[in-house]
C-alpha atoms as a PDB file:
ATOM      1  CA  MET A   1       0.000   0.000   0.000  1.00  0.00           C
ATOM      2  CA  LEU A   2       1.429   3.363  -1.010  1.00  0.00           C
ATOM      3  CA  PHE A   3       0.244   6.815  -0.091  1.00  0.00           C
ATOM      4  CA  ILE A   4       1.329   8.820  -3.097  1.00  0.00           C
ATOM      5  CA  GLY A   5      -0.196  11.528  -5.247  1.00  0.00           C
ATOM      6  CA  LYS A   6       1.082  10.399  -8.636  1.00  0.00           C
ATOM      7  CA  SER A   7       1.231   7.344 -10.868  1.00  0.00           C
ATOM      8  CA  VAL A   8       3.839   4.753  -9.970  1.00  0.00           C
ATOM      9  CA  ARG A   9       5.708   3.585 -13.019  1.00  0.00           C
ATOM     10  CA  ALA A  10       9.017   2.478 -11.512  1.00  0.00           C
ATOM     11  CA  TYR A  11      10.510   1.611  -8.153  1.00  0.00           C
ATOM     12  CA  ARG A  12      11.988   5.098  -7.766  1.00  0.00           C
ATOM     13  CA  ASP A  13       8.486   6.581  -7.888  1.00  0.00           C
ATOM     14  CA  THR A  14       7.690   4.750  -4.653  1.00  0.00           C
ATOM     15  CA  LEU A  15      10.369   6.770  -2.851  1.00  0.00           C
ATOM     16  CA  ALA A  16       8.025   9.779  -2.968  1.00  0.00           C
ATOM     17  CA  SER A  17       5.312   8.021  -0.953  1.00  0.00           C
ATOM     18  CA  ASP A  18       4.060   9.435   2.346  1.00  0.00           C
ATOM     19  CA  VAL A  19       5.898   7.293   4.897  1.00  0.00           C
ATOM     20  CA  GLU A  20       4.088   8.901   7.860  1.00  0.00           C
ATOM     21  CA  ALA A  21       0.641   8.096   6.398  1.00  0.00           C
ATOM     22  CA  ASN A  22       1.737   4.501   5.826  1.00  0.00           C
ATOM     23  CA  ALA A  23       2.968   4.242   9.431  1.00  0.00           C
ATOM     24  CA  ARG A  24      -0.333   5.678  10.732  1.00  0.00           C
ATOM     25  CA  SER A  25      -2.263   3.227   8.578  1.00  0.00           C
ATOM     26  CA  ASN A  26      -0.270   0.231   9.837  1.00  0.00           C
ATOM     27  CA  ALA A  27      -0.521   1.383  13.470  1.00  0.00           C
ATOM     28  CA  THR A  28      -4.285   1.904  13.233  1.00  0.00           C
ATOM     29  CA  LEU A  29      -4.752  -1.529  11.649  1.00  0.00           C
ATOM     30  CA  ARG A  30      -2.702  -3.139  14.437  1.00  0.00           C
ATOM     31  CA  GLU A  31      -4.672  -1.241  17.098  1.00  0.00           C
ATOM     32  CA  ASN A  32      -7.754  -2.881  15.653  1.00  0.00           C
ATOM     33  CA  ASP A  33      -6.312  -6.401  15.595  1.00  0.00           C
ATOM     34  CA  VAL A  34      -5.476  -6.472  11.875  1.00  0.00           C
ATOM     35  CA  PHE A  35      -1.796  -7.355  11.652  1.00  0.00           C
ATOM     36  CA  LYS A  36       0.049  -5.870   8.716  1.00  0.00           C
ATOM     37  CA  GLN A  37       3.799  -5.750   8.519  1.00  0.00           C
ATOM     38  CA  PRO A  38       5.285  -2.332   7.755  1.00  0.00           C
ATOM     39  CA  GLY A  39       6.485  -3.356   4.295  1.00  0.00           C
ATOM     40  CA  LYS A  40       4.157  -5.753   2.532  1.00  0.00           C
ATOM     41  CA  PHE A  41       0.655  -7.141   2.614  1.00  0.00           C
ATOM     42  CA  HIS A  42       0.672 -10.928   2.112  1.00  0.00           C
ATOM     43  CA  PRO A  43      -2.510 -12.795   1.211  1.00  0.00           C
ATOM     44  CA  SER A  44      -3.189 -16.169   2.804  1.00  0.00           C
ATOM     45  CA  LEU A  45      -5.128 -19.173   1.595  1.00  0.00           C
ATOM     46  CA  LEU A  46      -6.389 -19.623   5.158  1.00  0.00           C
ATOM     47  CA  VAL A  47      -8.426 -16.407   5.151  1.00  0.00           C
ATOM     48  CA  THR A  48     -12.156 -17.035   5.035  1.00  0.00           C
ATOM     49  CA  GLN A  49     -15.040 -14.923   3.754  1.00  0.00           C
ATOM     50  CA  ALA A  50     -15.959 -14.217   7.393  1.00  0.00           C
ATOM     51  CA  ASP A  51     -12.441 -12.827   7.951  1.00  0.00           C
ATOM     52  CA  PHE A  52     -12.890 -10.446   5.011  1.00  0.00           C
ATOM     53  CA  GLU A  53     -16.300  -9.349   6.275  1.00  0.00           C
ATOM     54  CA  TRP A  54     -14.815  -8.660   9.714  1.00  0.00           C
ATOM     55  CA  ALA A  55     -11.766  -6.767   8.411  1.00  0.00           C
ATOM     56  CA  GLU A  56     -13.439  -4.701   5.684  1.00  0.00           C
ATOM     57  CA  PRO A  57     -15.068  -2.090   7.982  1.00  0.00           C
ATOM     58  CA  VAL A  58     -11.800  -1.758   9.910  1.00  0.00           C
ATOM     59  CA  ILE A  59      -9.845  -1.051   6.724  1.00  0.00           C
ATOM     60  CA  GLU A  60     -12.534   1.410   5.547  1.00  0.00           C
ATOM     61  CA  GLY A  61     -12.347   3.122   8.950  1.00  0.00           C
ATOM     62  CA  VAL A  62      -8.577   3.425   8.662  1.00  0.00           C
ATOM     63  CA  ALA A  63      -8.991   5.088   5.271  1.00  0.00           C
ATOM     64  CA  CYS A  64     -11.528   7.534   6.711  1.00  0.00           C
ATOM     65  CA  ALA A  65      -9.338   8.252   9.744  1.00  0.00           C
ATOM     66  CA  LEU A  66      -6.355   9.019   7.523  1.00  0.00           C
ATOM     67  CA  ASN A  67      -8.466  11.116   5.157  1.00  0.00           C
ATOM     68  CA  THR A  68      -9.742  13.298   7.997  1.00  0.00           C
ATOM     69  CA  ASN A  69      -6.364  13.384   9.795  1.00  0.00           C
ATOM     70  CA  SER A  70      -8.197  12.346  12.937  1.00  0.00           C
ATOM     71  CA  GLY A  71      -5.389  10.064  14.016  1.00  0.00           C
ATOM     72  CA  HIS A  72      -5.814   6.596  15.416  1.00  0.00           C
ATOM     73  CA  ARG A  73      -9.251   5.366  16.327  1.00  0.00           C
ATOM     74  CA  HIS A  74     -10.513   2.106  17.708  1.00  0.00           C
ATOM     75  CA  LEU A  75     -12.551   0.787  14.787  1.00  0.00           C
ATOM     76  CA  ARG A  76     -12.810  -2.900  15.530  1.00  0.00           C
ATOM     77  CA  ARG A  77     -16.004  -4.869  15.361  1.00  0.00           C
ATOM     78  CA  LYS A  78     -16.117  -8.111  17.291  1.00  0.00           C
ATOM     79  CA  LYS A  79     -15.192 -11.145  15.259  1.00  0.00           C
ATOM     80  CA  PRO A  80     -18.069 -13.655  15.108  1.00  0.00           C
END
């Protein structure tokens, strides 16, 4: 995931990404029990549809929190 205001066409373009926004995004996801390593997002074959349904509102909330610069918020819904 990159926070950048231009098209990425080569690796060097990624160097202009907003590192602070990425750190806030990762921290907010972790605060809400969605683990994401700082560098990459790895899919897993063990993830179920219920996992996606649980995580989707958290990820949407992170996007809204970053968009409004409101900082970290507790966005988690209880996992069924």
